[in-house]
Amino acid sequence: MFTIKSILIPTDFSEGAKQALDQANYLAERYGATLHILNVLKDDVFDLGDAYDALLERELEFNEQLRKESETKLNAAVPSTPFQDVTYVRAQLRSYDVAEGIVRYAKDHDVDLIVLGKRPRRRSGLPLIGGTVEHVLRHTECPVLTVSATETSRIDREVKKILVPVDFSSFSTDQLTNARELAGAYGASIDLLHVIDESSLAVVYGLESAFNFDDLRNRARAASEKLIDESEGPSVNIEIFVTVGHPAKDTVEFAEEHKSDLVVISTHGRSGIRRFFMGSVAEKVMRLSEPMVLTLTSFGKSLLTKSQSVEAGSSV
């Protein structure tokens, strides 16, 4: 079962942020969490010396005007369907960097989950990478749910298929347990995916099995079945998929082909250099995927109850 007491939704008042607010609002109502709506103003004012006093004064006046306008928008920021049982907290702060402000607020207010709006892809198919989402993911200890601007607002009706790409590391059980909790909340099924990384067959799977793909697939399927048995959560339909290729690329393509609504991924996989970490598989999946992506951190806060997280993590 999830324990979510506090959810943070940073907003720049864009369409993507508005849609992300609806996702955060649904989760806050579902789990009885306080919803923090945060606007971070980037502080671009520097001490330029006496010669620039006039310029500095105009800059300060502009920033004060921007602050007032943002404050007005912040007070008007409400989800499409406000819930009486949800406590809404609105906050505004200044920071030299938007991501730093988000991470600092999350830490100071003991936030359990951050929900971020993500920019849509360009026509070329490549995403618009603004930097803020990536920096938050790299520095926060909270799980982060990224919401594409193309998503509709009623997450409770649209999440029917959840994709869980795993590498059978020690955190994979927690990862699947998180996905099962979400699947139970949304009435969704789970696609459990393992991509046999063809770039490191010998290192990960051993020389004897490196090119015996039938054996690798059988082993991966057996490991997937074991993972299902060891994970916890509601009884939901879980289908196993095993492919050979490149984890990030194939995960993104799988999500598109199978019309996944949500991807649950971990920033920590195999120990050592073979691991899911920011800048690698997890970050690429988050950046390139059209569906929403819940990024979990094995080294930070967990959405699961403590006993459930310990049991899941120790069972592999």
C-alpha atoms as a PDB file:
ATOM      1  CA  MET A   1       0.000   0.000   0.000  1.00  0.00           C
ATOM      2  CA  PHE A   2       1.193   3.518  -0.777  1.00  0.00           C
ATOM      3  CA  THR A   3       1.838   6.047   1.961  1.00  0.00           C
ATOM      4  CA  ILE A   4       1.682   9.490   0.343  1.00  0.00           C
ATOM      5  CA  LYS A   5       1.204  12.413   2.698  1.00  0.00           C
ATOM      6  CA  SER A   6       2.540  15.240   0.572  1.00  0.00           C
ATOM      7  CA  ILE A   7       2.636  15.826  -3.217  1.00  0.00           C
ATOM      8  CA  LEU A   8       4.429  18.711  -4.922  1.00  0.00           C
ATOM      9  CA  ILE A   9       3.332  20.089  -8.287  1.00  0.00           C
ATOM     10  CA  PRO A  10       5.604  22.887  -9.555  1.00  0.00           C
ATOM     11  CA  THR A  11       3.883  25.119 -12.101  1.00  0.00           C
ATOM     12  CA  ASP A  12       4.883  27.690 -14.692  1.00  0.00           C
ATOM     13  CA  PHE A  13       1.192  28.035 -15.643  1.00  0.00           C
ATOM     14  CA  SER A  14       1.724  26.323 -19.014  1.00  0.00           C
ATOM     15  CA  GLU A  15      -0.734  23.825 -20.494  1.00  0.00           C
ATOM     16  CA  GLY A  16       1.587  20.972 -19.555  1.00  0.00           C
ATOM     17  CA  ALA A  17       1.704  22.167 -15.950  1.00  0.00           C
ATOM     18  CA  LYS A  18      -2.101  22.415 -15.843  1.00  0.00           C
ATOM     19  CA  GLN A  19      -2.469  18.828 -17.020  1.00  0.00           C
ATOM     20  CA  ALA A  20       0.180  17.674 -14.539  1.00  0.00           C
ATOM     21  CA  LEU A  21      -1.823  19.429 -11.812  1.00  0.00           C
ATOM     22  CA  ASP A  22      -4.827  17.253 -12.612  1.00  0.00           C
ATOM     23  CA  GLN A  23      -2.719  14.099 -12.287  1.00  0.00           C
ATOM     24  CA  ALA A  24      -1.330  15.287  -8.944  1.00  0.00           C
ATOM     25  CA  ASN A  25      -4.818  16.226  -7.784  1.00  0.00           C
ATOM     26  CA  TYR A  26      -6.187  12.753  -8.492  1.00  0.00           C
ATOM     27  CA  LEU A  27      -3.345  11.115  -6.547  1.00  0.00           C
ATOM     28  CA  ALA A  28      -3.775  13.543  -3.646  1.00  0.00           C
ATOM     29  CA  GLU A  29      -7.456  12.683  -3.389  1.00  0.00           C
ATOM     30  CA  ARG A  30      -6.811   8.962  -3.783  1.00  0.00           C
ATOM     31  CA  TYR A  31      -4.188   8.764  -1.028  1.00  0.00           C
ATOM     32  CA  GLY A  32      -5.277  11.608   1.251  1.00  0.00           C
ATOM     33  CA  ALA A  33      -2.222  13.745   0.563  1.00  0.00           C
ATOM     34  CA  THR A  34      -1.679  17.483   0.884  1.00  0.00           C
ATOM     35  CA  LEU A  35      -1.088  19.043  -2.533  1.00  0.00           C
ATOM     36  CA  HIS A  36       1.590  21.735  -2.718  1.00  0.00           C
ATOM     37  CA  ILE A  37       1.320  23.999  -5.794  1.00  0.00           C
ATOM     38  CA  LEU A  38       4.659  25.760  -6.225  1.00  0.00           C
ATOM     39  CA  ASN A  39       5.819  28.561  -8.496  1.00  0.00           C
ATOM     40  CA  VAL A  40       9.568  29.189  -8.615  1.00  0.00           C
ATOM     41  CA  LEU A  41      10.754  32.585  -9.814  1.00  0.00           C
ATOM     42  CA  LYS A  42      14.230  32.540 -11.271  1.00  0.00           C
ATOM     43  CA  ASP A  43      16.353  35.234  -9.674  1.00  0.00           C
ATOM     44  CA  ASP A  44      18.438  36.770 -12.441  1.00  0.00           C
ATOM     45  CA  VAL A  45      19.436  39.902 -10.526  1.00  0.00           C
ATOM     46  CA  PHE A  46      23.161  40.274  -9.853  1.00  0.00           C
ATOM     47  CA  ASP A  47      25.200  43.032  -8.207  1.00  0.00           C
ATOM     48  CA  LEU A  48      26.606  44.854 -11.223  1.00  0.00           C
ATOM     49  CA  GLY A  49      28.256  47.725  -9.345  1.00  0.00           C
ATOM     50  CA  ASP A  50      27.446  51.420  -8.982  1.00  0.00           C
ATOM     51  CA  ALA A  51      27.657  52.065 -12.710  1.00  0.00           C
ATOM     52  CA  TYR A  52      24.650  49.858 -13.252  1.00  0.00           C
ATOM     53  CA  ASP A  53      22.394  51.095 -10.438  1.00  0.00           C
ATOM     54  CA  ALA A  54      19.758  52.370 -12.879  1.00  0.00           C
ATOM     55  CA  LEU A  55      19.737  49.105 -14.797  1.00  0.00           C
ATOM     56  CA  LEU A  56      19.559  47.139 -11.572  1.00  0.00           C
ATOM     57  CA  GLU A  57      16.648  49.234 -10.329  1.00  0.00           C
ATOM     58  CA  ARG A  58      14.680  48.599 -13.526  1.00  0.00           C
ATOM     59  CA  GLU A  59      15.480  44.905 -13.229  1.00  0.00           C
ATOM     60  CA  LEU A  60      14.207  44.827  -9.674  1.00  0.00           C
ATOM     61  CA  GLU A  61      11.012  46.624 -10.688  1.00  0.00           C
ATOM     62  CA  PHE A  62      10.458  44.134 -13.502  1.00  0.00           C
ATOM     63  CA  ASN A  63      11.024  41.178 -11.172  1.00  0.00           C
ATOM     64  CA  GLU A  64       8.586  42.597  -8.635  1.00  0.00           C
ATOM     65  CA  GLN A  65       5.966  43.005 -11.354  1.00  0.00           C
ATOM     66  CA  LEU A  66       6.627  39.430 -12.483  1.00  0.00           C
ATOM     67  CA  ARG A  67       6.278  38.222  -8.901  1.00  0.00           C
ATOM     68  CA  LYS A  68       2.908  39.890  -8.488  1.00  0.00           C
ATOM     69  CA  GLU A  69       1.617  38.533 -11.797  1.00  0.00           C
ATOM     70  CA  SER A  70       2.824  35.032 -10.915  1.00  0.00           C
ATOM     71  CA  GLU A  71       1.268  35.284  -7.475  1.00  0.00           C
ATOM     72  CA  THR A  72      -2.087  36.145  -9.049  1.00  0.00           C
ATOM     73  CA  LYS A  73      -1.825  33.163 -11.404  1.00  0.00           C
ATOM     74  CA  LEU A  74      -0.740  30.922  -8.541  1.00  0.00           C
ATOM     75  CA  ASN A  75      -3.781  31.833  -6.455  1.00  0.00           C
ATOM     76  CA  ALA A  76      -5.963  31.058  -9.476  1.00  0.00           C
ATOM     77  CA  ALA A  77      -4.258  27.719 -10.170  1.00  0.00           C
ATOM     78  CA  VAL A  78      -6.819  25.006  -9.463  1.00  0.00           C
ATOM     79  CA  PRO A  79      -7.276  21.513 -10.874  1.00  0.00           C
ATOM     80  CA  SER A  80     -10.137  20.787 -13.248  1.00  0.00           C
ATOM     81  CA  THR A  81     -11.975  18.998 -10.450  1.00  0.00           C
ATOM     82  CA  PRO A  82     -11.034  20.335  -6.999  1.00  0.00           C
ATOM     83  CA  PHE A  83     -11.698  17.913  -4.141  1.00  0.00           C
ATOM     84  CA  GLN A  84     -13.061  19.037  -0.782  1.00  0.00           C
ATOM     85  CA  ASP A  85     -10.964  16.424   1.026  1.00  0.00           C
ATOM     86  CA  VAL A  86      -7.680  17.671  -0.459  1.00  0.00           C
ATOM     87  CA  THR A  87      -5.698  20.386   1.320  1.00  0.00           C
ATOM     88  CA  TYR A  88      -4.143  22.770  -1.215  1.00  0.00           C
ATOM     89  CA  VAL A  89      -1.024  24.729  -0.245  1.00  0.00           C
ATOM     90  CA  ARG A  90       0.214  27.443  -2.612  1.00  0.00           C
ATOM     91  CA  ALA A  91       3.779  28.698  -2.371  1.00  0.00           C
ATOM     92  CA  GLN A  92       6.152  30.931  -4.273  1.00  0.00           C
ATOM     93  CA  LEU A  93       9.909  31.236  -3.892  1.00  0.00           C
ATOM     94  CA  ARG A  94      12.934  32.661  -5.637  1.00  0.00           C
ATOM     95  CA  SER A  95      15.975  30.712  -6.707  1.00  0.00           C
ATOM     96  CA  TYR A  96      18.949  31.135  -9.008  1.00  0.00           C
ATOM     97  CA  ASP A  97      17.698  27.942 -10.690  1.00  0.00           C
ATOM     98  CA  VAL A  98      14.149  26.610 -10.999  1.00  0.00           C
ATOM     99  CA  ALA A  99      15.174  22.982 -10.437  1.00  0.00           C
ATOM    100  CA  GLU A 100      17.135  23.931  -7.314  1.00  0.00           C
ATOM    101  CA  GLY A 101      14.084  25.690  -5.935  1.00  0.00           C
ATOM    102  CA  ILE A 102      11.887  22.657  -6.572  1.00  0.00           C
ATOM    103  CA  VAL A 103      14.342  20.241  -4.953  1.00  0.00           C
ATOM    104  CA  ARG A 104      14.873  22.546  -1.958  1.00  0.00           C
ATOM    105  CA  TYR A 105      11.136  22.990  -1.391  1.00  0.00           C
ATOM    106  CA  ALA A 106      10.567  19.229  -1.624  1.00  0.00           C
ATOM    107  CA  LYS A 107      13.254  18.593   0.987  1.00  0.00           C
ATOM    108  CA  ASP A 108      12.157  21.368   3.342  1.00  0.00           C
ATOM    109  CA  HIS A 109       8.520  20.211   3.261  1.00  0.00           C
ATOM    110  CA  ASP A 110       9.192  16.459   3.359  1.00  0.00           C
ATOM    111  CA  VAL A 111       7.447  15.868   0.026  1.00  0.00           C
ATOM    112  CA  ASP A 112       6.763  12.236  -0.912  1.00  0.00           C
ATOM    113  CA  LEU A 113       6.095  12.658  -4.653  1.00  0.00           C
ATOM    114  CA  ILE A 114       6.884  15.335  -7.236  1.00  0.00           C
ATOM    115  CA  VAL A 115       4.673  15.655 -10.324  1.00  0.00           C
ATOM    116  CA  LEU A 116       6.202  17.548 -13.259  1.00  0.00           C
ATOM    117  CA  GLY A 117       4.788  18.610 -16.601  1.00  0.00           C
ATOM    118  CA  LYS A 118       7.000  17.586 -19.513  1.00  0.00           C
ATOM    119  CA  ARG A 119       7.374  19.427 -22.794  1.00  0.00           C
ATOM    120  CA  PRO A 120       6.011  17.716 -25.918  1.00  0.00           C
ATOM    121  CA  ARG A 121       8.121  16.332 -28.719  1.00  0.00           C
ATOM    122  CA  ARG A 122       9.156  18.380 -31.714  1.00  0.00           C
ATOM    123  CA  ARG A 123       7.763  17.484 -35.109  1.00  0.00           C
ATOM    124  CA  SER A 124      11.049  15.691 -35.758  1.00  0.00           C
ATOM    125  CA  GLY A 125      10.123  13.264 -32.986  1.00  0.00           C
ATOM    126  CA  LEU A 126      12.782  14.523 -30.590  1.00  0.00           C
ATOM    127  CA  PRO A 127      11.689  15.901 -27.229  1.00  0.00           C
ATOM    128  CA  LEU A 128      12.108  19.494 -26.177  1.00  0.00           C
ATOM    129  CA  ILE A 129      14.525  19.163 -23.262  1.00  0.00           C
ATOM    130  CA  GLY A 130      14.213  22.162 -20.988  1.00  0.00           C
ATOM    131  CA  GLY A 131      16.660  20.933 -18.355  1.00  0.00           C
ATOM    132  CA  THR A 132      14.461  21.456 -15.281  1.00  0.00           C
ATOM    133  CA  VAL A 133      12.926  17.965 -15.282  1.00  0.00           C
ATOM    134  CA  GLU A 134      16.319  16.282 -15.723  1.00  0.00           C
ATOM    135  CA  HIS A 135      17.941  18.352 -12.984  1.00  0.00           C
ATOM    136  CA  VAL A 136      15.121  17.602 -10.546  1.00  0.00           C
ATOM    137  CA  LEU A 137      15.381  13.885 -11.258  1.00  0.00           C
ATOM    138  CA  ARG A 138      19.122  13.913 -10.651  1.00  0.00           C
ATOM    139  CA  HIS A 139      19.025  15.763  -7.347  1.00  0.00           C
ATOM    140  CA  THR A 140      15.794  14.887  -5.558  1.00  0.00           C
ATOM    141  CA  GLU A 141      15.273  11.875  -3.315  1.00  0.00           C
ATOM    142  CA  CYS A 142      11.556  11.748  -4.149  1.00  0.00           C
ATOM    143  CA  PRO A 143       9.890   9.623  -6.801  1.00  0.00           C
ATOM    144  CA  VAL A 144       8.987  11.823  -9.768  1.00  0.00           C
ATOM    145  CA  LEU A 145       5.975  11.476 -12.058  1.00  0.00           C
ATOM    146  CA  THR A 146       6.459  13.223 -15.402  1.00  0.00           C
ATOM    147  CA  VAL A 147       3.377  14.053 -17.439  1.00  0.00           C
ATOM    148  CA  SER A 148       3.509  14.805 -21.134  1.00  0.00           C
ATOM    149  CA  ALA A 149       1.572  17.818 -22.348  1.00  0.00           C
ATOM    150  CA  THR A 150      -0.293  15.488 -24.694  1.00  0.00           C
ATOM    151  CA  GLU A 151      -1.919  13.591 -21.834  1.00  0.00           C
ATOM    152  CA  THR A 152      -5.535  14.250 -20.920  1.00  0.00           C
ATOM    153  CA  SER A 153      -6.436  15.303 -17.440  1.00  0.00           C
ATOM    154  CA  ARG A 154      -8.477  12.339 -16.219  1.00  0.00           C
ATOM    155  CA  ILE A 155      -5.708   9.940 -15.288  1.00  0.00           C
ATOM    156  CA  ASP A 156      -8.094   7.726 -13.308  1.00  0.00           C
ATOM    157  CA  ARG A 157      -9.966   6.815 -16.500  1.00  0.00           C
ATOM    158  CA  GLU A 158      -7.043   6.619 -18.899  1.00  0.00           C
ATOM    159  CA  VAL A 159      -4.389   4.483 -17.199  1.00  0.00           C
ATOM    160  CA  LYS A 160      -5.260   1.012 -18.428  1.00  0.00           C
ATOM    161  CA  LYS A 161      -1.810  -0.362 -19.263  1.00  0.00           C
ATOM    162  CA  ILE A 162       1.301   0.058 -17.142  1.00  0.00           C
ATOM    163  CA  LEU A 163       4.721  -0.846 -18.511  1.00  0.00           C
ATOM    164  CA  VAL A 164       7.396  -2.035 -16.087  1.00  0.00           C
ATOM    165  CA  PRO A 165      10.871  -2.507 -17.657  1.00  0.00           C
ATOM    166  CA  VAL A 166      13.106  -4.492 -15.291  1.00  0.00           C
ATOM    167  CA  ASP A 167      16.693  -5.727 -15.211  1.00  0.00           C
ATOM    168  CA  PHE A 168      16.208  -8.162 -12.271  1.00  0.00           C
ATOM    169  CA  SER A 169      18.339  -6.072  -9.928  1.00  0.00           C
ATOM    170  CA  SER A 170      17.613  -6.016  -6.195  1.00  0.00           C
ATOM    171  CA  PHE A 171      15.233  -3.053  -6.628  1.00  0.00           C
ATOM    172  CA  SER A 172      13.125  -4.700  -9.340  1.00  0.00           C
ATOM    173  CA  THR A 173      10.802  -6.245  -6.747  1.00  0.00           C
ATOM    174  CA  ASP A 174      10.066  -2.827  -5.254  1.00  0.00           C
ATOM    175  CA  GLN A 175       9.574  -1.475  -8.757  1.00  0.00           C
ATOM    176  CA  LEU A 176       6.961  -4.094  -9.624  1.00  0.00           C
ATOM    177  CA  THR A 177       5.277  -3.694  -6.233  1.00  0.00           C
ATOM    178  CA  ASN A 178       4.888   0.029  -6.921  1.00  0.00           C
ATOM    179  CA  ALA A 179       3.403  -0.759 -10.319  1.00  0.00           C
ATOM    180  CA  ARG A 180       0.946  -3.249  -8.821  1.00  0.00           C
ATOM    181  CA  GLU A 181      -0.254  -0.638  -6.323  1.00  0.00           C
ATOM    182  CA  LEU A 182      -0.866   1.801  -9.168  1.00  0.00           C
ATOM    183  CA  ALA A 183      -2.529  -0.850 -11.312  1.00  0.00           C
ATOM    184  CA  GLY A 184      -4.899  -1.596  -8.455  1.00  0.00           C
ATOM    185  CA  ALA A 185      -5.689   2.096  -8.034  1.00  0.00           C
ATOM    186  CA  TYR A 186      -6.410   2.641 -11.717  1.00  0.00           C
ATOM    187  CA  GLY A 187      -7.851  -0.742 -12.649  1.00  0.00           C
ATOM    188  CA  ALA A 188      -4.945  -1.320 -15.047  1.00  0.00           C
ATOM    189  CA  SER A 189      -2.985  -4.312 -16.286  1.00  0.00           C
ATOM    190  CA  ILE A 190       0.822  -4.607 -16.294  1.00  0.00           C
ATOM    191  CA  ASP A 191       3.255  -5.418 -19.081  1.00  0.00           C
ATOM    192  CA  LEU A 192       6.441  -6.708 -17.453  1.00  0.00           C
ATOM    193  CA  LEU A 193       9.305  -6.187 -19.902  1.00  0.00           C
ATOM    194  CA  HIS A 194      12.895  -7.380 -19.847  1.00  0.00           C
ATOM    195  CA  VAL A 195      15.172  -6.302 -22.684  1.00  0.00           C
ATOM    196  CA  ILE A 196      18.185  -8.568 -23.063  1.00  0.00           C
ATOM    197  CA  ASP A 197      20.937  -6.034 -23.680  1.00  0.00           C
ATOM    198  CA  GLU A 198      22.753  -7.228 -26.773  1.00  0.00           C
ATOM    199  CA  SER A 199      25.623  -4.803 -26.127  1.00  0.00           C
ATOM    200  CA  SER A 200      26.678  -6.612 -22.963  1.00  0.00           C
ATOM    201  CA  LEU A 201      25.580 -10.215 -23.388  1.00  0.00           C
ATOM    202  CA  ALA A 202      28.794 -11.819 -22.160  1.00  0.00           C
ATOM    203  CA  VAL A 203      29.232  -9.430 -19.216  1.00  0.00           C
ATOM    204  CA  VAL A 204      25.711  -9.781 -17.858  1.00  0.00           C
ATOM    205  CA  TYR A 205      24.677 -13.292 -18.887  1.00  0.00           C
ATOM    206  CA  GLY A 206      27.993 -15.167 -19.156  1.00  0.00           C
ATOM    207  CA  LEU A 207      29.948 -16.424 -22.144  1.00  0.00           C
ATOM    208  CA  GLU A 208      28.157 -19.776 -22.374  1.00  0.00           C
ATOM    209  CA  SER A 209      24.754 -18.133 -22.772  1.00  0.00           C
ATOM    210  CA  ALA A 210      25.804 -14.995 -24.631  1.00  0.00           C
ATOM    211  CA  PHE A 211      24.551 -16.147 -28.014  1.00  0.00           C
ATOM    212  CA  ASN A 212      22.035 -18.778 -26.993  1.00  0.00           C
ATOM    213  CA  PHE A 213      19.001 -16.528 -27.271  1.00  0.00           C
ATOM    214  CA  ASP A 214      16.480 -19.267 -26.586  1.00  0.00           C
ATOM    215  CA  ASP A 215      18.226 -20.009 -23.296  1.00  0.00           C
ATOM    216  CA  LEU A 216      18.413 -16.310 -22.431  1.00  0.00           C
ATOM    217  CA  ARG A 217      14.723 -15.807 -23.126  1.00  0.00           C
ATOM    218  CA  ASN A 218      13.790 -18.841 -21.025  1.00  0.00           C
ATOM    219  CA  ARG A 219      15.943 -17.622 -18.144  1.00  0.00           C
ATOM    220  CA  ALA A 220      14.483 -14.138 -18.387  1.00  0.00           C
ATOM    221  CA  ARG A 221      10.944 -15.480 -18.418  1.00  0.00           C
ATOM    222  CA  ALA A 222      11.668 -17.654 -15.374  1.00  0.00           C
ATOM    223  CA  ALA A 223      13.174 -14.669 -13.578  1.00  0.00           C
ATOM    224  CA  SER A 224      10.102 -12.599 -14.473  1.00  0.00           C
ATOM    225  CA  GLU A 225       7.774 -15.226 -13.044  1.00  0.00           C
ATOM    226  CA  LYS A 226       9.866 -15.337  -9.864  1.00  0.00           C
ATOM    227  CA  LEU A 227       9.702 -11.552  -9.656  1.00  0.00           C
ATOM    228  CA  ILE A 228       5.916 -11.630  -9.888  1.00  0.00           C
ATOM    229  CA  ASP A 229       5.734 -14.196  -7.083  1.00  0.00           C
ATOM    230  CA  GLU A 230       8.029 -12.153  -4.841  1.00  0.00           C
ATOM    231  CA  SER A 231       6.403  -8.764  -5.413  1.00  0.00           C
ATOM    232  CA  GLU A 232       3.418  -7.588  -3.386  1.00  0.00           C
ATOM    233  CA  GLY A 233       0.307  -5.580  -4.043  1.00  0.00           C
ATOM    234  CA  PRO A 234      -3.153  -6.099  -5.526  1.00  0.00           C
ATOM    235  CA  SER A 235      -3.847  -9.083  -7.740  1.00  0.00           C
ATOM    236  CA  VAL A 236      -3.728  -7.659 -11.266  1.00  0.00           C
ATOM    237  CA  ASN A 237      -3.181  -9.098 -14.706  1.00  0.00           C
ATOM    238  CA  ILE A 238       0.558  -9.213 -15.534  1.00  0.00           C
ATOM    239  CA  GLU A 239       1.892 -10.243 -18.928  1.00  0.00           C
ATOM    240  CA  ILE A 240       5.571 -11.071 -19.471  1.00  0.00           C
ATOM    241  CA  PHE A 241       7.559  -9.856 -22.481  1.00  0.00           C
ATOM    242  CA  VAL A 242      11.204 -10.614 -23.302  1.00  0.00           C
ATOM    243  CA  THR A 243      13.089  -9.033 -26.202  1.00  0.00           C
ATOM    244  CA  VAL A 244      16.701  -8.708 -27.344  1.00  0.00           C
ATOM    245  CA  GLY A 245      18.050  -5.268 -28.173  1.00  0.00           C
ATOM    246  CA  HIS A 246      18.835  -1.983 -26.444  1.00  0.00           C
ATOM    247  CA  PRO A 247      16.979  -1.323 -23.147  1.00  0.00           C
ATOM    248  CA  ALA A 248      16.184   2.384 -23.557  1.00  0.00           C
ATOM    249  CA  LYS A 249      15.293   2.321 -27.244  1.00  0.00           C
ATOM    250  CA  ASP A 250      13.258  -0.876 -27.043  1.00  0.00           C
ATOM    251  CA  THR A 251      11.398   0.265 -23.922  1.00  0.00           C
ATOM    252  CA  VAL A 252      10.283   3.481 -25.630  1.00  0.00           C
ATOM    253  CA  GLU A 253       9.250   1.604 -28.782  1.00  0.00           C
ATOM    254  CA  PHE A 254       7.414  -1.034 -26.740  1.00  0.00           C
ATOM    255  CA  ALA A 255       5.459   1.684 -24.904  1.00  0.00           C
ATOM    256  CA  GLU A 256       4.377   3.177 -28.219  1.00  0.00           C
ATOM    257  CA  GLU A 257       3.495  -0.105 -29.907  1.00  0.00           C
ATOM    258  CA  HIS A 258       1.538  -1.452 -26.934  1.00  0.00           C
ATOM    259  CA  LYS A 259      -0.094   1.893 -26.122  1.00  0.00           C
ATOM    260  CA  SER A 260       1.186   2.050 -22.564  1.00  0.00           C
ATOM    261  CA  ASP A 261      -0.381   4.790 -20.444  1.00  0.00           C
ATOM    262  CA  LEU A 262       2.235   4.805 -17.699  1.00  0.00           C
ATOM    263  CA  VAL A 263       5.821   3.577 -17.391  1.00  0.00           C
ATOM    264  CA  VAL A 264       7.238   2.706 -13.970  1.00  0.00           C
ATOM    265  CA  ILE A 265      11.027   2.719 -14.050  1.00  0.00           C
ATOM    266  CA  SER A 266      13.878   2.778 -11.556  1.00  0.00           C
ATOM    267  CA  THR A 267      16.986   4.962 -11.539  1.00  0.00           C
ATOM    268  CA  HIS A 268      18.987   2.116 -10.043  1.00  0.00           C
ATOM    269  CA  GLY A 269      19.537  -1.244 -11.675  1.00  0.00           C
ATOM    270  CA  ARG A 270      22.534  -3.514 -11.735  1.00  0.00           C
ATOM    271  CA  SER A 271      25.342  -2.644  -9.370  1.00  0.00           C
ATOM    272  CA  GLY A 272      28.576  -1.167 -10.656  1.00  0.00           C
ATOM    273  CA  ILE A 273      28.672   0.321 -14.136  1.00  0.00           C
ATOM    274  CA  ARG A 274      25.778  -1.814 -15.414  1.00  0.00           C
ATOM    275  CA  ARG A 275      23.000   0.138 -13.767  1.00  0.00           C
ATOM    276  CA  PHE A 276      19.897   2.173 -14.488  1.00  0.00           C
ATOM    277  CA  PHE A 277      20.946   5.681 -13.532  1.00  0.00           C
ATOM    278  CA  MET A 278      20.251   9.191 -14.708  1.00  0.00           C
ATOM    279  CA  GLY A 279      21.948   9.869 -18.040  1.00  0.00           C
ATOM    280  CA  SER A 280      21.337   6.275 -19.062  1.00  0.00           C
ATOM    281  CA  VAL A 281      18.279   4.062 -19.488  1.00  0.00           C
ATOM    282  CA  ALA A 282      15.890   5.719 -17.023  1.00  0.00           C
ATOM    283  CA  GLU A 283      16.591   9.242 -18.214  1.00  0.00           C
ATOM    284  CA  LYS A 284      16.300   8.306 -21.890  1.00  0.00           C
ATOM    285  CA  VAL A 285      12.996   6.548 -21.309  1.00  0.00           C
ATOM    286  CA  MET A 286      11.650   9.533 -19.388  1.00  0.00           C
ATOM    287  CA  ARG A 287      12.750  11.988 -22.076  1.00  0.00           C
ATOM    288  CA  LEU A 288      11.576  10.035 -25.117  1.00  0.00           C
ATOM    289  CA  SER A 289       8.376   8.379 -23.915  1.00  0.00           C
ATOM    290  CA  GLU A 290       4.970   9.816 -24.725  1.00  0.00           C
ATOM    291  CA  PRO A 291       3.199   8.153 -21.768  1.00  0.00           C
ATOM    292  CA  MET A 292       3.552   9.364 -18.213  1.00  0.00           C
ATOM    293  CA  VAL A 293       6.653   8.043 -16.452  1.00  0.00           C
ATOM    294  CA  LEU A 294       7.034   7.360 -12.737  1.00  0.00           C
ATOM    295  CA  THR A 295      10.746   7.375 -11.907  1.00  0.00           C
ATOM    296  CA  LEU A 296      11.609   5.643  -8.639  1.00  0.00           C
ATOM    297  CA  THR A 297      14.859   6.026  -6.705  1.00  0.00           C
ATOM    298  CA  SER A 298      16.252   3.081  -4.775  1.00  0.00           C
ATOM    299  CA  PHE A 299      18.461   5.457  -2.767  1.00  0.00           C
ATOM    300  CA  GLY A 300      15.697   7.869  -1.735  1.00  0.00           C
ATOM    301  CA  LYS A 301      12.113   7.994  -0.475  1.00  0.00           C
ATOM    302  CA  SER A 302       9.679   5.181  -1.138  1.00  0.00           C
ATOM    303  CA  LEU A 303       5.952   5.448  -1.744  1.00  0.00           C
ATOM    304  CA  LEU A 304       5.450   2.021  -0.205  1.00  0.00           C
ATOM    305  CA  THR A 305       4.808   1.419   3.462  1.00  0.00           C
ATOM    306  CA  LYS A 306       8.075   0.709   5.280  1.00  0.00           C
ATOM    307  CA  SER A 307       7.333  -2.948   5.997  1.00  0.00           C
ATOM    308  CA  GLN A 308       6.206  -3.555   2.445  1.00  0.00           C
ATOM    309  CA  SER A 309       9.309  -1.893   0.988  1.00  0.00           C
ATOM    310  CA  VAL A 310      11.665  -3.861   3.232  1.00  0.00           C
ATOM    311  CA  GLU A 311       9.992  -7.169   2.437  1.00  0.00           C
ATOM    312  CA  ALA A 312       9.976  -6.495  -1.287  1.00  0.00           C
ATOM    313  CA  GLY A 313      13.573  -5.326  -1.352  1.00  0.00           C
ATOM    314  CA  SER A 314      14.866  -8.291   0.647  1.00  0.00           C
ATOM    315  CA  SER A 315      13.120 -10.981  -1.341  1.00  0.00           C
ATOM    316  CA  VAL A 316      15.354 -10.941  -4.418  1.00  0.00           C
END
